[in-house]
PDB file of N, CA and C in Angstrom:
ATOM      1  N   MET A   1      13.237  20.534   9.796  1.00  0.00           N
ATOM      2  CA  MET A   1      12.402  20.634   8.460  1.00  0.00           C
ATOM      3  C   MET A   1      11.007  21.076   9.091  1.00  0.00           C
ATOM      4  N   THR A   2      10.155  22.030   9.243  1.00  0.00           N
ATOM      5  CA  THR A   2       9.132  22.065   9.540  1.00  0.00           C
ATOM      6  C   THR A   2       7.257  21.755   8.880  1.00  0.00           C
ATOM      7  N   GLN A   3       6.328  21.043   9.340  1.00  0.00           N
ATOM      8  CA  GLN A   3       5.783  21.027   8.830  1.00  0.00           C
ATOM      9  C   GLN A   3       4.925  21.575   7.128  1.00  0.00           C
ATOM     10  N   GLN A   4       5.455  23.082   7.769  1.00  0.00           N
ATOM     11  CA  GLN A   4       4.963  24.186   5.846  1.00  0.00           C
ATOM     12  C   GLN A   4       5.917  24.472   5.383  1.00  0.00           C
ATOM     13  N   GLU A   5       7.133  23.613   5.918  1.00  0.00           N
ATOM     14  CA  GLU A   5       8.256  23.422   4.471  1.00  0.00           C
ATOM     15  C   GLU A   5       8.160  22.580   4.025  1.00  0.00           C
ATOM     16  N   LEU A   6       7.837  21.472   4.433  1.00  0.00           N
ATOM     17  CA  LEU A   6       7.564  20.176   3.934  1.00  0.00           C
ATOM     18  C   LEU A   6       6.541  19.781   2.801  1.00  0.00           C
ATOM     19  N   GLU A   7       5.380  20.391   3.505  1.00  0.00           N
ATOM     20  CA  GLU A   7       4.277  20.371   2.344  1.00  0.00           C
ATOM     21  C   GLU A   7       4.604  20.895   1.239  1.00  0.00           C
ATOM     22  N   ARG A   8       5.477  22.592   1.599  1.00  0.00           N
ATOM     23  CA  ARG A   8       5.444  23.396   0.532  1.00  0.00           C
ATOM     24  C   ARG A   8       6.098  22.622  -0.772  1.00  0.00           C
ATOM     25  N   LEU A   9       7.884  21.874  -0.373  1.00  0.00           N
ATOM     26  CA  LEU A   9       8.457  20.974  -1.064  1.00  0.00           C
ATOM     27  C   LEU A   9       7.693  20.264  -1.734  1.00  0.00           C
ATOM     28  N   TRP A  10       6.862  19.195  -1.667  1.00  0.00           N
ATOM     29  CA  TRP A  10       5.902  18.678  -1.770  1.00  0.00           C
ATOM     30  C   TRP A  10       4.993  19.080  -2.755  1.00  0.00           C
ATOM     31  N   VAL A  11       4.097  19.704  -2.720  1.00  0.00           N
ATOM     32  CA  VAL A  11       3.414  20.833  -3.576  1.00  0.00           C
ATOM     33  C   VAL A  11       3.797  20.853  -4.842  1.00  0.00           C
ATOM     34  N   LYS A  12       5.213  21.664  -4.776  1.00  0.00           N
ATOM     35  CA  LYS A  12       6.586  21.476  -5.462  1.00  0.00           C
ATOM     36  C   LYS A  12       7.133  20.442  -6.462  1.00  0.00           C
ATOM     37  N   ASN A  13       6.601  19.478  -5.617  1.00  0.00           N
ATOM     38  CA  ASN A  13       6.814  17.975  -6.663  1.00  0.00           C
ATOM     39  C   ASN A  13       8.771  18.100  -6.165  1.00  0.00           C
ATOM     40  N   ALA A  14       8.745  18.383  -5.206  1.00  0.00           N
ATOM     41  CA  ALA A  14      10.511  18.426  -5.007  1.00  0.00           C
ATOM     42  C   ALA A  14      11.354  17.676  -4.038  1.00  0.00           C
ATOM     43  N   LEU A  15      10.182  16.369  -3.936  1.00  0.00           N
ATOM     44  CA  LEU A  15      10.601  15.181  -3.087  1.00  0.00           C
ATOM     45  C   LEU A  15      10.455  13.743  -3.563  1.00  0.00           C
ATOM     46  N   ASP A  16      10.969  13.154  -3.200  1.00  0.00           N
ATOM     47  CA  ASP A  16      11.224  11.713  -3.537  1.00  0.00           C
ATOM     48  C   ASP A  16      10.359  10.722  -3.200  1.00  0.00           C
ATOM     49  N   VAL A  17       8.964  11.236  -3.524  1.00  0.00           N
ATOM     50  CA  VAL A  17       8.089  10.161  -2.816  1.00  0.00           C
ATOM     51  C   VAL A  17       7.053   9.850  -3.700  1.00  0.00           C
ATOM     52  N   VAL A  18       5.909   8.996  -3.492  1.00  0.00           N
ATOM     53  CA  VAL A  18       5.594   8.419  -5.038  1.00  0.00           C
ATOM     54  C   VAL A  18       4.451   9.297  -4.854  1.00  0.00           C
ATOM     55  N   PHE A  19       3.170   9.570  -4.216  1.00  0.00           N
ATOM     56  CA  PHE A  19       2.287   9.633  -4.333  1.00  0.00           C
ATOM     57  C   PHE A  19       2.175  11.537  -3.760  1.00  0.00           C
ATOM     58  N   LYS A  20       1.387  12.321  -4.360  1.00  0.00           N
ATOM     59  CA  LYS A  20       1.239  13.611  -4.817  1.00  0.00           C
ATOM     60  C   LYS A  20      -0.104  13.744  -4.309  1.00  0.00           C
ATOM     61  N   PHE A  21      -0.141  15.586  -3.842  1.00  0.00           N
ATOM     62  CA  PHE A  21      -1.879  15.717  -3.242  1.00  0.00           C
ATOM     63  C   PHE A  21      -2.734  15.195  -3.796  1.00  0.00           C
ATOM     64  N   GLY A  22      -3.744  15.131  -3.951  1.00  0.00           N
ATOM     65  CA  GLY A  22      -5.449  14.198  -4.563  1.00  0.00           C
ATOM     66  C   GLY A  22      -5.602  13.216  -5.395  1.00  0.00           C
ATOM     67  N   ASP A  23      -3.796  12.016  -4.799  1.00  0.00           N
ATOM     68  CA  ASP A  23      -4.060  10.870  -5.571  1.00  0.00           C
ATOM     69  C   ASP A  23      -5.043  10.242  -5.251  1.00  0.00           C
ATOM     70  N   MET A  24      -5.755   9.511  -6.279  1.00  0.00           N
ATOM     71  CA  MET A  24      -6.714   8.474  -5.202  1.00  0.00           C
ATOM     72  C   MET A  24      -5.637   7.361  -4.361  1.00  0.00           C
ATOM     73  N   VAL A  25      -6.009   6.798  -3.718  1.00  0.00           N
ATOM     74  CA  VAL A  25      -4.968   5.530  -3.261  1.00  0.00           C
ATOM     75  C   VAL A  25      -6.289   4.200  -2.734  1.00  0.00           C
ATOM     76  N   ARG A  26      -5.142   3.268  -2.287  1.00  0.00           N
ATOM     77  CA  ARG A  26      -6.758   2.140  -1.757  1.00  0.00           C
ATOM     78  C   ARG A  26      -5.173   2.007  -0.507  1.00  0.00           C
ATOM     79  N   ILE A  27      -5.572   1.702   0.808  1.00  0.00           N
ATOM     80  CA  ILE A  27      -5.034   1.349   1.947  1.00  0.00           C
ATOM     81  C   ILE A  27      -4.557  -0.437   1.910  1.00  0.00           C
ATOM     82  N   THR A  28      -3.643  -0.625   1.641  1.00  0.00           N
ATOM     83  CA  THR A  28      -3.365  -2.142   1.615  1.00  0.00           C
ATOM     84  C   THR A  28      -3.090  -3.055   2.983  1.00  0.00           C
ATOM     85  N   SER A  29      -3.052  -2.246   4.260  1.00  0.00           N
ATOM     86  CA  SER A  29      -3.008  -3.066   5.464  1.00  0.00           C
ATOM     87  C   SER A  29      -3.610  -1.912   6.217  1.00  0.00           C
ATOM     88  N   ASP A  30      -3.682  -2.739   7.678  1.00  0.00           N
ATOM     89  CA  ASP A  30      -3.761  -1.770   8.998  1.00  0.00           C
ATOM     90  C   ASP A  30      -5.173  -2.027   9.015  1.00  0.00           C
ATOM     91  N   GLU A  31      -5.957  -1.121  10.111  1.00  0.00           N
ATOM     92  CA  GLU A  31      -7.048  -1.338  10.485  1.00  0.00           C
ATOM     93  C   GLU A  31      -8.006  -0.715   9.025  1.00  0.00           C
ATOM     94  N   ASP A  32      -7.896  -0.149   8.417  1.00  0.00           N
ATOM     95  CA  ASP A  32      -8.062   0.694   7.204  1.00  0.00           C
ATOM     96  C   ASP A  32      -8.065  -0.141   6.298  1.00  0.00           C
ATOM     97  N   LEU A  33      -7.491  -1.189   5.961  1.00  0.00           N
ATOM     98  CA  LEU A  33      -7.022  -2.296   4.617  1.00  0.00           C
ATOM     99  C   LEU A  33      -8.483  -2.255   3.612  1.00  0.00           C
ATOM    100  N   GLY A  34      -8.380  -1.866   2.372  1.00  0.00           N
ATOM    101  CA  GLY A  34      -8.642  -1.634   1.076  1.00  0.00           C
ATOM    102  C   GLY A  34      -9.433  -0.343   1.582  1.00  0.00           C
ATOM    103  N   SER A  35      -9.690   0.012   2.353  1.00  0.00           N
ATOM    104  CA  SER A  35     -10.322   1.877   2.198  1.00  0.00           C
ATOM    105  C   SER A  35      -9.170   2.513   1.086  1.00  0.00           C
ATOM    106  N   GLU A  36     -10.818   3.334   0.552  1.00  0.00           N
ATOM    107  CA  GLU A  36      -9.715   3.702  -1.099  1.00  0.00           C
ATOM    108  C   GLU A  36      -9.834   5.604  -0.062  1.00  0.00           C
ATOM    109  N   GLY A  37      -8.939   6.476  -0.609  1.00  0.00           N
ATOM    110  CA  GLY A  37      -9.348   8.030   0.140  1.00  0.00           C
ATOM    111  C   GLY A  37      -8.348   8.365  -1.271  1.00  0.00           C
ATOM    112  N   ARG A  38      -8.740  10.007  -1.061  1.00  0.00           N
ATOM    113  CA  ARG A  38      -7.205  10.915  -1.815  1.00  0.00           C
ATOM    114  C   ARG A  38      -6.499  11.344  -0.458  1.00  0.00           C
ATOM    115  N   ILE A  39      -5.030  11.449  -1.370  1.00  0.00           N
ATOM    116  CA  ILE A  39      -3.966  11.451  -0.360  1.00  0.00           C
ATOM    117  C   ILE A  39      -4.304  13.594  -0.124  1.00  0.00           C
ATOM    118  N   VAL A  40      -4.213  13.911   1.164  1.00  0.00           N
ATOM    119  CA  VAL A  40      -4.909  15.359   1.374  1.00  0.00           C
ATOM    120  C   VAL A  40      -3.856  16.152   2.052  1.00  0.00           C
ATOM    121  N   ALA A  41      -2.499  15.077   3.035  1.00  0.00           N
ATOM    122  CA  ALA A  41      -1.319  15.894   3.607  1.00  0.00           C
ATOM    123  C   ALA A  41      -0.128  15.014   3.817  1.00  0.00           C
ATOM    124  N   LEU A  42       1.097  15.511   3.703  1.00  0.00           N
ATOM    125  CA  LEU A  42       1.888  14.561   3.894  1.00  0.00           C
ATOM    126  C   LEU A  42       2.768  14.584   4.599  1.00  0.00           C
ATOM    127  N   PHE A  43       2.515  13.689   6.188  1.00  0.00           N
ATOM    128  CA  PHE A  43       2.796  14.186   7.354  1.00  0.00           C
ATOM    129  C   PHE A  43       3.928  14.001   7.795  1.00  0.00           C
ATOM    130  N   THR A  44       5.022  13.717   7.283  1.00  0.00           N
ATOM    131  CA  THR A  44       6.492  12.914   7.730  1.00  0.00           C
ATOM    132  C   THR A  44       7.274  12.756   6.732  1.00  0.00           C
ATOM    133  N   LEU A  45       8.244  12.170   6.293  1.00  0.00           N
ATOM    134  CA  LEU A  45       9.201  10.999   5.334  1.00  0.00           C
ATOM    135  C   LEU A  45       9.874  10.592   6.340  1.00  0.00           C
ATOM    136  N   GLU A  46      10.283  10.204   7.616  1.00  0.00           N
ATOM    137  CA  GLU A  46      10.791   9.295   8.624  1.00  0.00           C
ATOM    138  C   GLU A  46      10.338   8.329   9.012  1.00  0.00           C
ATOM    139  N   PRO A  47       9.834   6.837   9.183  1.00  0.00           N
ATOM    140  CA  PRO A  47      11.210   6.364   8.330  1.00  0.00           C
ATOM    141  C   PRO A  47      10.459   6.245   7.165  1.00  0.00           C
ATOM    142  N   TYR A  48       9.716   5.984   6.851  1.00  0.00           N
ATOM    143  CA  TYR A  48       8.270   6.145   5.556  1.00  0.00           C
ATOM    144  C   TYR A  48       7.951   7.434   5.019  1.00  0.00           C
ATOM    145  N   PRO A  49       7.460   7.758   4.465  1.00  0.00           N
ATOM    146  CA  PRO A  49       6.361   8.708   3.761  1.00  0.00           C
ATOM    147  C   PRO A  49       5.054   8.583   4.790  1.00  0.00           C
ATOM    148  N   THR A  50       4.730   9.333   4.981  1.00  0.00           N
ATOM    149  CA  THR A  50       3.417   8.608   5.830  1.00  0.00           C
ATOM    150  C   THR A  50       2.469  10.397   5.563  1.00  0.00           C
ATOM    151  N   TYR A  51       1.409   9.657   5.155  1.00  0.00           N
ATOM    152  CA  TYR A  51       0.396  10.470   4.177  1.00  0.00           C
ATOM    153  C   TYR A  51      -1.038  10.473   5.112  1.00  0.00           C
ATOM    154  N   VAL A  52      -2.176  11.697   5.127  1.00  0.00           N
ATOM    155  CA  VAL A  52      -2.868  11.310   5.521  1.00  0.00           C
ATOM    156  C   VAL A  52      -4.369  11.925   4.039  1.00  0.00           C
ATOM    157  N   ILE A  53      -5.017  10.392   4.546  1.00  0.00           N
ATOM    158  CA  ILE A  53      -5.748  10.377   3.619  1.00  0.00           C
ATOM    159  C   ILE A  53      -7.192  10.456   3.899  1.00  0.00           C
ATOM    160  N   GLU A  54      -7.827  11.334   3.044  1.00  0.00           N
ATOM    161  CA  GLU A  54      -9.089  11.803   3.502  1.00  0.00           C
ATOM    162  C   GLU A  54     -10.256  10.304   2.453  1.00  0.00           C
ATOM    163  N   LEU A  55     -11.232   9.937   3.448  1.00  0.00           N
ATOM    164  CA  LEU A  55     -11.913   8.601   3.235  1.00  0.00           C
ATOM    165  C   LEU A  55     -13.200   9.221   2.693  1.00  0.00           C
ATOM    166  N   PRO A  56     -13.875   8.617   2.161  1.00  0.00           N
ATOM    167  CA  PRO A  56     -15.663   9.093   1.033  1.00  0.00           C
ATOM    168  C   PRO A  56     -16.170   9.385   2.745  1.00  0.00           C
ATOM    169  N   ASP A  57     -15.918   8.639   3.507  1.00  0.00           N
ATOM    170  CA  ASP A  57     -17.173   9.143   4.619  1.00  0.00           C
ATOM    171  C   ASP A  57     -16.487  10.441   5.604  1.00  0.00           C
ATOM    172  N   GLY A  58     -16.009  11.049   4.441  1.00  0.00           N
ATOM    173  CA  GLY A  58     -15.542  12.346   5.606  1.00  0.00           C
ATOM    174  C   GLY A  58     -14.196  12.246   6.600  1.00  0.00           C
ATOM    175  N   SER A  59     -13.963  11.207   6.786  1.00  0.00           N
ATOM    176  CA  SER A  59     -12.900  10.883   8.086  1.00  0.00           C
ATOM    177  C   SER A  59     -11.697  10.448   7.415  1.00  0.00           C
ATOM    178  N   SER A  60     -10.417  10.346   7.896  1.00  0.00           N
ATOM    179  CA  SER A  60      -9.850   9.940   7.539  1.00  0.00           C
ATOM    180  C   SER A  60      -8.691   8.826   8.801  1.00  0.00           C
ATOM    181  N   ALA A  61      -7.264   8.889   7.310  1.00  0.00           N
ATOM    182  CA  ALA A  61      -7.010   7.830   8.129  1.00  0.00           C
ATOM    183  C   ALA A  61      -5.511   8.369   7.438  1.00  0.00           C
ATOM    184  N   VAL A  62      -4.272   7.689   8.261  1.00  0.00           N
ATOM    185  CA  VAL A  62      -2.413   7.274   7.967  1.00  0.00           C
ATOM    186  C   VAL A  62      -2.009   6.537   7.955  1.00  0.00           C
ATOM    187  N   ALA A  63      -1.247   6.506   6.890  1.00  0.00           N
ATOM    188  CA  ALA A  63      -0.651   5.410   6.203  1.00  0.00           C
ATOM    189  C   ALA A  63       0.539   5.680   5.416  1.00  0.00           C
ATOM    190  N   THR A  64       1.471   5.009   5.714  1.00  0.00           N
ATOM    191  CA  THR A  64       2.905   4.876   5.368  1.00  0.00           C
ATOM    192  C   THR A  64       2.640   4.568   3.559  1.00  0.00           C
ATOM    193  N   GLU A  65       3.417   5.602   2.846  1.00  0.00           N
ATOM    194  CA  GLU A  65       3.636   5.200   1.893  1.00  0.00           C
ATOM    195  C   GLU A  65       4.117   3.199   0.989  1.00  0.00           C
ATOM    196  N   PRO A  66       4.870   2.104   2.298  1.00  0.00           N
ATOM    197  CA  PRO A  66       4.108   1.190   1.473  1.00  0.00           C
ATOM    198  C   PRO A  66       3.084   0.004   1.856  1.00  0.00           C
ATOM    199  N   ASP A  67       2.607   1.020   2.233  1.00  0.00           N
ATOM    200  CA  ASP A  67       0.991   0.822   3.421  1.00  0.00           C
ATOM    201  C   ASP A  67      -0.111   1.066   2.007  1.00  0.00           C
ATOM    202  N   LEU A  68      -0.056   1.949   0.252  1.00  0.00           N
ATOM    203  CA  LEU A  68      -0.849   2.343  -0.403  1.00  0.00           C
ATOM    204  C   LEU A  68      -0.598   1.596  -1.162  1.00  0.00           C
ATOM    205  N   ALA A  69      -1.905   1.960  -2.574  1.00  0.00           N
ATOM    206  CA  ALA A  69      -1.529   1.819  -3.472  1.00  0.00           C
ATOM    207  C   ALA A  69      -2.273   2.537  -4.409  1.00  0.00           C
ATOM    208  N   HIS A  70      -2.011   3.209  -5.146  1.00  0.00           N
ATOM    209  CA  HIS A  70      -2.698   3.996  -6.657  1.00  0.00           C
ATOM    210  C   HIS A  70      -3.745   3.139  -6.917  1.00  0.00           C
ATOM    211  N   VAL A  71      -5.089   4.163  -7.184  1.00  0.00           N
ATOM    212  CA  VAL A  71      -6.105   3.610  -7.727  1.00  0.00           C
ATOM    213  C   VAL A  71      -6.556   4.009  -8.893  1.00  0.00           C
TER     214      VAL A  71
END
């Protein structure tokens, strides 16, 4: 599956993932522990769904689904 196909299915809510585009999340582990931001992309599904999070300062972080919580 290409990245474009993955994101198209994700936007259509056709994937079994917890977070959707635009969800506000808190990172619960790694170097960005405690950072909050907005989900802007689904990067991969394996081994865990992995998302790109836009942080308030304009930078981004990458985190897996187990390392995120809804805000």
